[in-house]
Amino acid sequence: MALNGNYVVRETTANLTRNITLTVASILTVFVSLAIVGTTVLVRQGAQNATSRFEGGVEFIVYVDPGSTAEQLKSVETSLTKNPGIKKVTYVDADETYADFQRLFKGQDTMLRNVEKGDLPTSFKVEPVSKDAANITDLVRSYRKEPNVYDVVAAVEVVREMKGITDFVNKGLTFFAGFLLLASGLLILNTIRTAMFARRREIEVMKLVGATNWFIRIPFMLEGLVQGLIGGGLAVGWVFIARHLLDDLLGKSSSLKLLQNFSIASGDVFLACFIVVVTAVLLSVISSTLATRRFLDV
């Protein structure tokens, strides 16, 4: 028996509206679980962005006071290069600093508009001879007292701070996301089961006149897919809201210094949205497939 487009649309719509309360509950549960998944991705990507400046062996960064003269800048550089405990020193000028700032905060128009090149301190990326945490801590403490130094940021400090965030994400949000995804799958499955049970007489008649199992399954599977996609679409909207909430929350934090901010790029938002949509499709397809295979003989 060939499928008819109008039949599929009509039956899918009927299944979705037959038990509207259960359908709405399924969609909301999918939304909440996928919203947590999207937020988890944003936090993880933001944590990676916050530590990306320490790639290539850099263990700490010395920020020079904005507006320092060439002589003062040279004084800081000399102090670093002549230190026997330091292996390599790389100067990051104003242009490169501003380019890094634009890369880290790409898509955050408010931040980009309010910060100019002259507001950002230039810096020296430093690779010490010994990567021992105690040695790096001593060097950081020492250079924070140097004249013309705005701040010193160490990889061990940033990584420790970010580790606290990612640990919370891994142990907290991931647990709740997994739990709610399971609940979402079960709700979709139960919604389809209820719809099939309500139409058990029609299904029996359709089988008697030669309808195949796939002919019967398709509208029910589309019902699950629609629920998943609506919940996923709402979660995608939440991802954009969460990005701005995280930016505002962390941007107002006095404990995070300039250029040390947790940042979420536009690419990270699109990655989170992609993962949310893929998860929504997989969740709905798997749940609806299981439901139609298990409960077709009603």
C-alpha atoms as a PDB file:
ATOM      1  CA  MET A   1       0.000   0.000   0.000  1.00  0.00           C
ATOM      2  CA  ALA A   2       1.581   3.314  -1.146  1.00  0.00           C
ATOM      3  CA  LEU A   3       1.955   6.232   1.248  1.00  0.00           C
ATOM      4  CA  ASN A   4      -0.042   9.387   0.575  1.00  0.00           C
ATOM      5  CA  GLY A   5       1.322  12.744   1.703  1.00  0.00           C
ATOM      6  CA  ASN A   6      -2.041  14.100   2.811  1.00  0.00           C
ATOM      7  CA  TYR A   7      -2.727  10.908   4.760  1.00  0.00           C
ATOM      8  CA  VAL A   8       0.614  11.120   6.575  1.00  0.00           C
ATOM      9  CA  VAL A   9       0.136  14.789   7.512  1.00  0.00           C
ATOM     10  CA  ARG A  10      -3.473  14.243   8.617  1.00  0.00           C
ATOM     11  CA  GLU A  11      -2.681  11.212  10.747  1.00  0.00           C
ATOM     12  CA  THR A  12       0.427  12.746  12.298  1.00  0.00           C
ATOM     13  CA  THR A  13      -1.514  15.885  13.251  1.00  0.00           C
ATOM     14  CA  ALA A  14      -4.327  13.784  14.695  1.00  0.00           C
ATOM     15  CA  ASN A  15      -1.881  11.780  16.790  1.00  0.00           C
ATOM     16  CA  LEU A  16      -0.240  14.952  18.146  1.00  0.00           C
ATOM     17  CA  THR A  17      -3.522  16.589  19.128  1.00  0.00           C
ATOM     18  CA  ARG A  18      -5.352  13.508  20.392  1.00  0.00           C
ATOM     19  CA  ASN A  19      -3.654  13.676  23.798  1.00  0.00           C
ATOM     20  CA  ILE A  20      -2.405  17.249  23.839  1.00  0.00           C
ATOM     21  CA  THR A  21      -1.376  17.200  27.511  1.00  0.00           C
ATOM     22  CA  LEU A  22       0.979  14.257  27.036  1.00  0.00           C
ATOM     23  CA  THR A  23       2.351  15.785  23.820  1.00  0.00           C
ATOM     24  CA  VAL A  24       3.119  19.088  25.544  1.00  0.00           C
ATOM     25  CA  ALA A  25       4.750  17.250  28.465  1.00  0.00           C
ATOM     26  CA  SER A  26       6.980  15.356  26.017  1.00  0.00           C
ATOM     27  CA  ILE A  27       7.994  18.532  24.187  1.00  0.00           C
ATOM     28  CA  LEU A  28       8.775  20.411  27.408  1.00  0.00           C
ATOM     29  CA  THR A  29      10.850  17.534  28.780  1.00  0.00           C
ATOM     30  CA  VAL A  30      12.798  17.340  25.515  1.00  0.00           C
ATOM     31  CA  PHE A  31      13.312  21.100  25.643  1.00  0.00           C
ATOM     32  CA  VAL A  32      14.629  21.133  29.218  1.00  0.00           C
ATOM     33  CA  SER A  33      16.974  18.189  28.674  1.00  0.00           C
ATOM     34  CA  LEU A  34      18.366  19.583  25.410  1.00  0.00           C
ATOM     35  CA  ALA A  35      18.689  23.057  26.937  1.00  0.00           C
ATOM     36  CA  ILE A  36      20.968  21.527  29.577  1.00  0.00           C
ATOM     37  CA  VAL A  37      22.927  19.729  26.839  1.00  0.00           C
ATOM     38  CA  GLY A  38      23.394  23.012  24.956  1.00  0.00           C
ATOM     39  CA  THR A  39      24.445  24.886  28.103  1.00  0.00           C
ATOM     40  CA  THR A  40      26.945  22.139  28.899  1.00  0.00           C
ATOM     41  CA  VAL A  41      28.563  22.529  25.480  1.00  0.00           C
ATOM     42  CA  LEU A  42      28.756  26.330  25.891  1.00  0.00           C
ATOM     43  CA  VAL A  43      30.435  26.080  29.288  1.00  0.00           C
ATOM     44  CA  ARG A  44      32.959  23.512  28.062  1.00  0.00           C
ATOM     45  CA  GLN A  45      33.843  25.580  25.003  1.00  0.00           C
ATOM     46  CA  GLY A  46      34.102  28.739  27.087  1.00  0.00           C
ATOM     47  CA  ALA A  47      36.482  27.007  29.476  1.00  0.00           C
ATOM     48  CA  GLN A  48      38.655  25.893  26.550  1.00  0.00           C
ATOM     49  CA  ASN A  49      38.712  29.449  25.163  1.00  0.00           C
ATOM     50  CA  ALA A  50      39.792  30.809  28.538  1.00  0.00           C
ATOM     51  CA  THR A  51      42.863  28.566  28.565  1.00  0.00           C
ATOM     52  CA  SER A  52      43.702  28.710  24.824  1.00  0.00           C
ATOM     53  CA  ARG A  53      46.244  31.510  25.292  1.00  0.00           C
ATOM     54  CA  PHE A  54      48.500  29.107  27.192  1.00  0.00           C
ATOM     55  CA  GLU A  55      49.112  26.850  24.204  1.00  0.00           C
ATOM     56  CA  GLY A  56      52.640  26.253  22.961  1.00  0.00           C
ATOM     57  CA  GLY A  57      54.418  25.883  26.281  1.00  0.00           C
ATOM     58  CA  VAL A  58      53.358  29.270  27.730  1.00  0.00           C
ATOM     59  CA  GLU A  59      53.017  28.939  31.497  1.00  0.00           C
ATOM     60  CA  PHE A  60      52.309  32.521  32.521  1.00  0.00           C
ATOM     61  CA  ILE A  61      51.595  35.909  30.958  1.00  0.00           C
ATOM     62  CA  VAL A  62      52.893  39.249  32.205  1.00  0.00           C
ATOM     63  CA  TYR A  63      50.556  42.122  31.331  1.00  0.00           C
ATOM     64  CA  VAL A  64      52.201  45.540  31.112  1.00  0.00           C
ATOM     65  CA  ASP A  65      50.461  48.670  32.383  1.00  0.00           C
ATOM     66  CA  PRO A  66      48.457  50.283  29.547  1.00  0.00           C
ATOM     67  CA  GLY A  67      50.200  53.469  28.397  1.00  0.00           C
ATOM     68  CA  SER A  68      53.670  52.351  29.485  1.00  0.00           C
ATOM     69  CA  THR A  69      56.510  54.098  27.676  1.00  0.00           C
ATOM     70  CA  ALA A  70      58.970  52.245  25.458  1.00  0.00           C
ATOM     71  CA  GLU A  71      61.578  52.561  28.202  1.00  0.00           C
ATOM     72  CA  GLN A  72      59.289  51.054  30.825  1.00  0.00           C
ATOM     73  CA  LEU A  73      58.355  48.259  28.431  1.00  0.00           C
ATOM     74  CA  LYS A  74      62.025  47.548  27.793  1.00  0.00           C
ATOM     75  CA  SER A  75      62.648  47.417  31.533  1.00  0.00           C
ATOM     76  CA  VAL A  76      60.054  44.673  32.003  1.00  0.00           C
ATOM     77  CA  GLU A  77      61.404  42.747  29.000  1.00  0.00           C
ATOM     78  CA  THR A  78      64.966  42.958  30.301  1.00  0.00           C
ATOM     79  CA  SER A  79      63.910  41.694  33.704  1.00  0.00           C
ATOM     80  CA  LEU A  80      62.284  38.680  32.056  1.00  0.00           C
ATOM     81  CA  THR A  81      65.000  37.830  29.531  1.00  0.00           C
ATOM     82  CA  LYS A  82      67.810  38.057  32.101  1.00  0.00           C
ATOM     83  CA  ASN A  83      66.047  35.802  34.596  1.00  0.00           C
ATOM     84  CA  PRO A  84      67.877  32.412  34.564  1.00  0.00           C
ATOM     85  CA  GLY A  85      64.632  30.641  35.437  1.00  0.00           C
ATOM     86  CA  ILE A  86      62.954  31.773  32.223  1.00  0.00           C
ATOM     87  CA  LYS A  87      63.491  29.886  28.978  1.00  0.00           C
ATOM     88  CA  LYS A  88      61.544  31.926  26.417  1.00  0.00           C
ATOM     89  CA  VAL A  89      59.846  35.337  26.303  1.00  0.00           C
ATOM     90  CA  THR A  90      57.485  36.447  23.511  1.00  0.00           C
ATOM     91  CA  TYR A  91      56.139  39.977  23.318  1.00  0.00           C
ATOM     92  CA  VAL A  92      52.510  40.447  22.233  1.00  0.00           C
ATOM     93  CA  ASP A  93      52.050  43.977  20.891  1.00  0.00           C
ATOM     94  CA  ALA A  94      48.874  46.076  20.837  1.00  0.00           C
ATOM     95  CA  ASP A  95      47.796  44.910  17.375  1.00  0.00           C
ATOM     96  CA  GLU A  96      48.151  41.234  18.215  1.00  0.00           C
ATOM     97  CA  THR A  97      46.483  41.743  21.599  1.00  0.00           C
ATOM     98  CA  TYR A  98      43.501  43.427  19.978  1.00  0.00           C
ATOM     99  CA  ALA A  99      43.314  40.726  17.303  1.00  0.00           C
ATOM    100  CA  ASP A 100      43.228  38.047  20.039  1.00  0.00           C
ATOM    101  CA  PHE A 101      40.549  40.034  21.849  1.00  0.00           C
ATOM    102  CA  GLN A 102      38.411  40.204  18.697  1.00  0.00           C
ATOM    103  CA  ARG A 103      38.871  36.473  18.125  1.00  0.00           C
ATOM    104  CA  LEU A 104      37.930  35.528  21.691  1.00  0.00           C
ATOM    105  CA  PHE A 105      34.898  37.806  21.794  1.00  0.00           C
ATOM    106  CA  LYS A 106      33.735  37.332  18.208  1.00  0.00           C
ATOM    107  CA  GLY A 107      29.998  37.838  17.985  1.00  0.00           C
ATOM    108  CA  GLN A 108      29.809  39.779  21.267  1.00  0.00           C
ATOM    109  CA  ASP A 109      29.067  43.155  19.691  1.00  0.00           C
ATOM    110  CA  THR A 110      28.602  45.049  22.962  1.00  0.00           C
ATOM    111  CA  MET A 111      32.028  43.994  24.224  1.00  0.00           C
ATOM    112  CA  LEU A 112      33.716  44.767  20.897  1.00  0.00           C
ATOM    113  CA  ARG A 113      32.123  48.215  20.686  1.00  0.00           C
ATOM    114  CA  ASN A 114      33.077  49.238  24.222  1.00  0.00           C
ATOM    115  CA  VAL A 115      36.713  48.128  24.194  1.00  0.00           C
ATOM    116  CA  GLU A 116      39.322  49.897  22.068  1.00  0.00           C
ATOM    117  CA  LYS A 117      42.851  48.833  21.238  1.00  0.00           C
ATOM    118  CA  GLY A 118      44.364  51.302  23.697  1.00  0.00           C
ATOM    119  CA  ASP A 119      42.323  49.860  26.581  1.00  0.00           C
ATOM    120  CA  LEU A 120      44.074  46.502  26.381  1.00  0.00           C
ATOM    121  CA  PRO A 121      47.422  45.913  28.077  1.00  0.00           C
ATOM    122  CA  THR A 122      50.195  44.454  25.952  1.00  0.00           C
ATOM    123  CA  SER A 123      51.897  41.392  27.386  1.00  0.00           C
ATOM    124  CA  PHE A 124      54.799  38.980  27.475  1.00  0.00           C
ATOM    125  CA  LYS A 125      54.118  35.270  27.116  1.00  0.00           C
ATOM    126  CA  VAL A 126      56.634  33.449  29.271  1.00  0.00           C
ATOM    127  CA  GLU A 127      57.880  29.869  29.178  1.00  0.00           C
ATOM    128  CA  PRO A 128      59.942  29.058  32.300  1.00  0.00           C
ATOM    129  CA  VAL A 129      62.795  26.543  32.407  1.00  0.00           C
ATOM    130  CA  SER A 130      61.030  24.452  35.039  1.00  0.00           C
ATOM    131  CA  LYS A 131      57.314  23.699  34.631  1.00  0.00           C
ATOM    132  CA  ASP A 132      56.993  22.819  38.305  1.00  0.00           C
ATOM    133  CA  ALA A 133      53.858  24.439  39.776  1.00  0.00           C
ATOM    134  CA  ALA A 134      55.723  25.752  42.836  1.00  0.00           C
ATOM    135  CA  ASN A 135      58.390  27.368  40.644  1.00  0.00           C
ATOM    136  CA  ILE A 136      55.781  29.014  38.415  1.00  0.00           C
ATOM    137  CA  THR A 137      53.901  30.286  41.449  1.00  0.00           C
ATOM    138  CA  ASP A 138      57.102  31.864  42.807  1.00  0.00           C
ATOM    139  CA  LEU A 139      57.832  33.560  39.469  1.00  0.00           C
ATOM    140  CA  VAL A 140      54.264  34.857  39.207  1.00  0.00           C
ATOM    141  CA  ARG A 141      54.361  36.209  42.753  1.00  0.00           C
ATOM    142  CA  SER A 142      57.693  37.881  42.044  1.00  0.00           C
ATOM    143  CA  TYR A 143      56.666  39.599  38.821  1.00  0.00           C
ATOM    144  CA  ARG A 144      53.389  40.843  40.249  1.00  0.00           C
ATOM    145  CA  LYS A 145      55.519  43.120  42.441  1.00  0.00           C
ATOM    146  CA  GLU A 146      57.560  44.462  39.512  1.00  0.00           C
ATOM    147  CA  PRO A 147      57.004  48.092  38.460  1.00  0.00           C
ATOM    148  CA  ASN A 148      54.962  48.739  35.293  1.00  0.00           C
ATOM    149  CA  VAL A 149      53.318  45.297  35.546  1.00  0.00           C
ATOM    150  CA  TYR A 150      49.520  45.410  35.340  1.00  0.00           C
ATOM    151  CA  ASP A 151      48.955  41.768  36.221  1.00  0.00           C
ATOM    152  CA  VAL A 152      50.442  38.290  35.889  1.00  0.00           C
ATOM    153  CA  VAL A 153      48.244  35.356  34.947  1.00  0.00           C
ATOM    154  CA  ALA A 154      49.489  31.795  35.327  1.00  0.00           C
ATOM    155  CA  ALA A 155      48.254  28.750  33.458  1.00  0.00           C
ATOM    156  CA  VAL A 156      48.033  26.764  36.688  1.00  0.00           C
ATOM    157  CA  GLU A 157      45.701  29.363  38.175  1.00  0.00           C
ATOM    158  CA  VAL A 158      43.447  29.619  35.137  1.00  0.00           C
ATOM    159  CA  VAL A 159      43.332  25.864  34.619  1.00  0.00           C
ATOM    160  CA  ARG A 160      42.461  25.358  38.284  1.00  0.00           C
ATOM    161  CA  GLU A 161      39.655  27.914  38.018  1.00  0.00           C
ATOM    162  CA  MET A 162      38.332  26.415  34.793  1.00  0.00           C
ATOM    163  CA  LYS A 163      38.633  22.901  36.201  1.00  0.00           C
ATOM    164  CA  GLY A 164      36.139  23.824  38.889  1.00  0.00           C
ATOM    165  CA  ILE A 165      33.656  24.884  36.207  1.00  0.00           C
ATOM    166  CA  THR A 166      34.173  21.854  33.989  1.00  0.00           C
ATOM    167  CA  ASP A 167      33.974  19.476  36.959  1.00  0.00           C
ATOM    168  CA  PHE A 168      30.628  20.973  37.866  1.00  0.00           C
ATOM    169  CA  VAL A 169      29.491  20.610  34.259  1.00  0.00           C
ATOM    170  CA  ASN A 170      30.662  17.008  33.969  1.00  0.00           C
ATOM    171  CA  LYS A 171      29.247  15.815  37.287  1.00  0.00           C
ATOM    172  CA  GLY A 172      26.189  18.018  37.575  1.00  0.00           C
ATOM    173  CA  LEU A 173      24.763  19.135  34.249  1.00  0.00           C
ATOM    174  CA  THR A 174      25.719  15.941  32.420  1.00  0.00           C
ATOM    175  CA  PHE A 175      23.934  13.816  35.028  1.00  0.00           C
ATOM    176  CA  PHE A 176      20.749  15.868  34.821  1.00  0.00           C
ATOM    177  CA  ALA A 177      20.908  16.041  31.017  1.00  0.00           C
ATOM    178  CA  GLY A 178      21.266  12.257  30.767  1.00  0.00           C
ATOM    179  CA  PHE A 179      18.449  11.691  33.240  1.00  0.00           C
ATOM    180  CA  LEU A 180      16.105  14.077  31.431  1.00  0.00           C
ATOM    181  CA  LEU A 181      17.019  12.696  28.008  1.00  0.00           C
ATOM    182  CA  LEU A 182      16.000   9.258  29.237  1.00  0.00           C
ATOM    183  CA  ALA A 183      12.759  10.714  30.607  1.00  0.00           C
ATOM    184  CA  SER A 184      12.167  12.489  27.275  1.00  0.00           C
ATOM    185  CA  GLY A 185      12.647   9.261  25.346  1.00  0.00           C
ATOM    186  CA  LEU A 186      10.238   7.427  27.613  1.00  0.00           C
ATOM    187  CA  LEU A 187       7.644  10.192  27.324  1.00  0.00           C
ATOM    188  CA  ILE A 188       7.825  10.175  23.521  1.00  0.00           C
ATOM    189  CA  LEU A 189       7.558   6.397  23.567  1.00  0.00           C
ATOM    190  CA  ASN A 190       4.572   6.519  25.911  1.00  0.00           C
ATOM    191  CA  THR A 191       2.868   9.227  23.834  1.00  0.00           C
ATOM    192  CA  ILE A 192       3.134   7.087  20.712  1.00  0.00           C
ATOM    193  CA  ARG A 193       1.994   4.007  22.619  1.00  0.00           C
ATOM    194  CA  THR A 194      -1.091   5.900  23.823  1.00  0.00           C
ATOM    195  CA  ALA A 195      -1.863   7.104  20.302  1.00  0.00           C
ATOM    196  CA  MET A 196      -1.525   3.580  18.913  1.00  0.00           C
ATOM    197  CA  PHE A 197      -3.711   2.151  21.654  1.00  0.00           C
ATOM    198  CA  ALA A 198      -6.408   4.766  20.972  1.00  0.00           C
ATOM    199  CA  ARG A 199      -6.426   3.729  17.305  1.00  0.00           C
ATOM    200  CA  ARG A 200      -6.099  -0.012  17.812  1.00  0.00           C
ATOM    201  CA  ARG A 201      -9.351  -0.746  15.961  1.00  0.00           C
ATOM    202  CA  GLU A 202      -8.266   1.316  12.952  1.00  0.00           C
ATOM    203  CA  ILE A 203      -4.868  -0.416  12.921  1.00  0.00           C
ATOM    204  CA  GLU A 204      -6.573  -3.837  12.926  1.00  0.00           C
ATOM    205  CA  VAL A 205      -8.769  -2.809   9.986  1.00  0.00           C
ATOM    206  CA  MET A 206      -5.770  -1.389   8.084  1.00  0.00           C
ATOM    207  CA  LYS A 207      -3.918  -4.690   8.518  1.00  0.00           C
ATOM    208  CA  LEU A 208      -6.928  -6.629   7.287  1.00  0.00           C
ATOM    209  CA  VAL A 209      -7.054  -4.592   4.056  1.00  0.00           C
ATOM    210  CA  GLY A 210      -3.349  -5.136   3.380  1.00  0.00           C
ATOM    211  CA  ALA A 211      -1.556  -2.164   4.984  1.00  0.00           C
ATOM    212  CA  THR A 212       2.097  -2.930   5.707  1.00  0.00           C
ATOM    213  CA  ASN A 213       3.693  -2.319   9.087  1.00  0.00           C
ATOM    214  CA  TRP A 214       5.715   0.592   7.669  1.00  0.00           C
ATOM    215  CA  PHE A 215       2.576   2.199   6.244  1.00  0.00           C
ATOM    216  CA  ILE A 216       1.105   2.167   9.753  1.00  0.00           C
ATOM    217  CA  ARG A 217       4.322   3.161  11.509  1.00  0.00           C
ATOM    218  CA  ILE A 218       5.256   6.261   9.493  1.00  0.00           C
ATOM    219  CA  PRO A 219       2.648   8.700  10.979  1.00  0.00           C
ATOM    220  CA  PHE A 220       3.496   7.562  14.513  1.00  0.00           C
ATOM    221  CA  MET A 221       7.238   7.892  13.882  1.00  0.00           C
ATOM    222  CA  LEU A 222       6.692  11.381  12.467  1.00  0.00           C
ATOM    223  CA  GLU A 223       4.740  12.226  15.614  1.00  0.00           C
ATOM    224  CA  GLY A 224       7.816  11.433  17.704  1.00  0.00           C
ATOM    225  CA  LEU A 225      10.078  13.315  15.296  1.00  0.00           C
ATOM    226  CA  VAL A 226       7.877  16.420  15.446  1.00  0.00           C
ATOM    227  CA  GLN A 227       7.908  16.362  19.249  1.00  0.00           C
ATOM    228  CA  GLY A 228      11.693  16.059  19.262  1.00  0.00           C
ATOM    229  CA  LEU A 229      12.180  18.826  16.690  1.00  0.00           C
ATOM    230  CA  ILE A 230       9.866  21.253  18.492  1.00  0.00           C
ATOM    231  CA  GLY A 231      11.667  20.588  21.780  1.00  0.00           C
ATOM    232  CA  GLY A 232      15.013  20.880  19.987  1.00  0.00           C
ATOM    233  CA  GLY A 233      13.972  24.150  18.328  1.00  0.00           C
ATOM    234  CA  LEU A 234      13.065  25.626  21.717  1.00  0.00           C
ATOM    235  CA  ALA A 235      16.406  24.424  23.083  1.00  0.00           C
ATOM    236  CA  VAL A 236      18.262  26.109  20.196  1.00  0.00           C
ATOM    237  CA  GLY A 237      16.568  29.369  21.174  1.00  0.00           C
ATOM    238  CA  TRP A 238      17.679  28.775  24.759  1.00  0.00           C
ATOM    239  CA  VAL A 239      21.299  28.300  23.620  1.00  0.00           C
ATOM    240  CA  PHE A 240      21.381  31.884  22.293  1.00  0.00           C
ATOM    241  CA  ILE A 241      19.799  33.186  25.501  1.00  0.00           C
ATOM    242  CA  ALA A 242      22.229  31.164  27.649  1.00  0.00           C
ATOM    243  CA  ARG A 243      25.191  32.590  25.729  1.00  0.00           C
ATOM    244  CA  HIS A 244      24.152  36.149  26.627  1.00  0.00           C
ATOM    245  CA  LEU A 245      23.318  35.207  30.216  1.00  0.00           C
ATOM    246  CA  LEU A 246      26.767  33.654  30.684  1.00  0.00           C
ATOM    247  CA  ASP A 247      28.439  36.675  29.086  1.00  0.00           C
ATOM    248  CA  ASP A 248      26.576  39.095  31.372  1.00  0.00           C
ATOM    249  CA  LEU A 249      27.142  37.004  34.482  1.00  0.00           C
ATOM    250  CA  LEU A 250      30.856  36.502  33.935  1.00  0.00           C
ATOM    251  CA  GLY A 251      31.418  39.992  32.544  1.00  0.00           C
ATOM    252  CA  LYS A 252      30.205  41.465  35.847  1.00  0.00           C
ATOM    253  CA  SER A 253      32.380  39.194  37.961  1.00  0.00           C
ATOM    254  CA  SER A 254      35.080  41.144  39.797  1.00  0.00           C
ATOM    255  CA  SER A 255      37.175  37.992  40.182  1.00  0.00           C
ATOM    256  CA  LEU A 256      37.800  37.731  36.411  1.00  0.00           C
ATOM    257  CA  LYS A 257      40.283  40.219  35.012  1.00  0.00           C
ATOM    258  CA  LEU A 258      40.509  41.754  31.545  1.00  0.00           C
ATOM    259  CA  LEU A 259      41.462  39.249  28.860  1.00  0.00           C
ATOM    260  CA  GLN A 260      41.058  36.449  31.376  1.00  0.00           C
ATOM    261  CA  ASN A 261      37.312  36.289  30.824  1.00  0.00           C
ATOM    262  CA  PHE A 262      35.488  33.102  30.098  1.00  0.00           C
ATOM    263  CA  SER A 263      34.363  33.683  26.504  1.00  0.00           C
ATOM    264  CA  ILE A 264      31.945  31.988  24.123  1.00  0.00           C
ATOM    265  CA  ALA A 265      32.514  32.553  20.408  1.00  0.00           C
ATOM    266  CA  SER A 266      29.839  32.428  17.723  1.00  0.00           C
ATOM    267  CA  GLY A 267      31.315  29.154  16.466  1.00  0.00           C
ATOM    268  CA  ASP A 268      30.764  27.650  19.922  1.00  0.00           C
ATOM    269  CA  VAL A 269      27.098  28.673  19.810  1.00  0.00           C
ATOM    270  CA  PHE A 270      26.632  27.035  16.409  1.00  0.00           C
ATOM    271  CA  LEU A 271      28.388  23.893  17.673  1.00  0.00           C
ATOM    272  CA  ALA A 272      26.022  23.747  20.657  1.00  0.00           C
ATOM    273  CA  CYS A 273      23.006  24.242  18.363  1.00  0.00           C
ATOM    274  CA  PHE A 274      24.216  21.500  16.017  1.00  0.00           C
ATOM    275  CA  ILE A 275      24.650  19.051  18.910  1.00  0.00           C
ATOM    276  CA  VAL A 276      21.198  19.959  20.251  1.00  0.00           C
ATOM    277  CA  VAL A 277      19.503  19.384  16.882  1.00  0.00           C
ATOM    278  CA  VAL A 278      21.322  16.097  16.224  1.00  0.00           C
ATOM    279  CA  THR A 279      20.467  14.873  19.726  1.00  0.00           C
ATOM    280  CA  ALA A 280      16.822  15.867  19.236  1.00  0.00           C
ATOM    281  CA  VAL A 281      16.573  13.943  15.970  1.00  0.00           C
ATOM    282  CA  LEU A 282      18.322  10.842  17.346  1.00  0.00           C
ATOM    283  CA  LEU A 283      16.247  10.883  20.539  1.00  0.00           C
ATOM    284  CA  SER A 284      12.934  11.154  18.723  1.00  0.00           C
ATOM    285  CA  VAL A 285      13.787   8.657  15.955  1.00  0.00           C
ATOM    286  CA  ILE A 286      15.077   6.013  18.384  1.00  0.00           C
ATOM    287  CA  SER A 287      12.136   6.441  20.788  1.00  0.00           C
ATOM    288  CA  SER A 288       9.484   6.392  18.062  1.00  0.00           C
ATOM    289  CA  THR A 289      11.108   3.428  16.314  1.00  0.00           C
ATOM    290  CA  LEU A 290      11.153   1.419  19.538  1.00  0.00           C
ATOM    291  CA  ALA A 291       7.549   2.360  20.272  1.00  0.00           C
ATOM    292  CA  THR A 292       6.208   1.375  16.845  1.00  0.00           C
ATOM    293  CA  ARG A 293       8.147  -1.895  16.817  1.00  0.00           C
ATOM    294  CA  ARG A 294       7.021  -2.862  20.310  1.00  0.00           C
ATOM    295  CA  PHE A 295       3.423  -1.704  20.350  1.00  0.00           C
ATOM    296  CA  LEU A 296       2.285  -2.188  16.757  1.00  0.00           C
ATOM    297  CA  ASP A 297       0.363  -5.388  17.573  1.00  0.00           C
ATOM    298  CA  VAL A 298      -2.452  -3.749  19.548  1.00  0.00           C
END
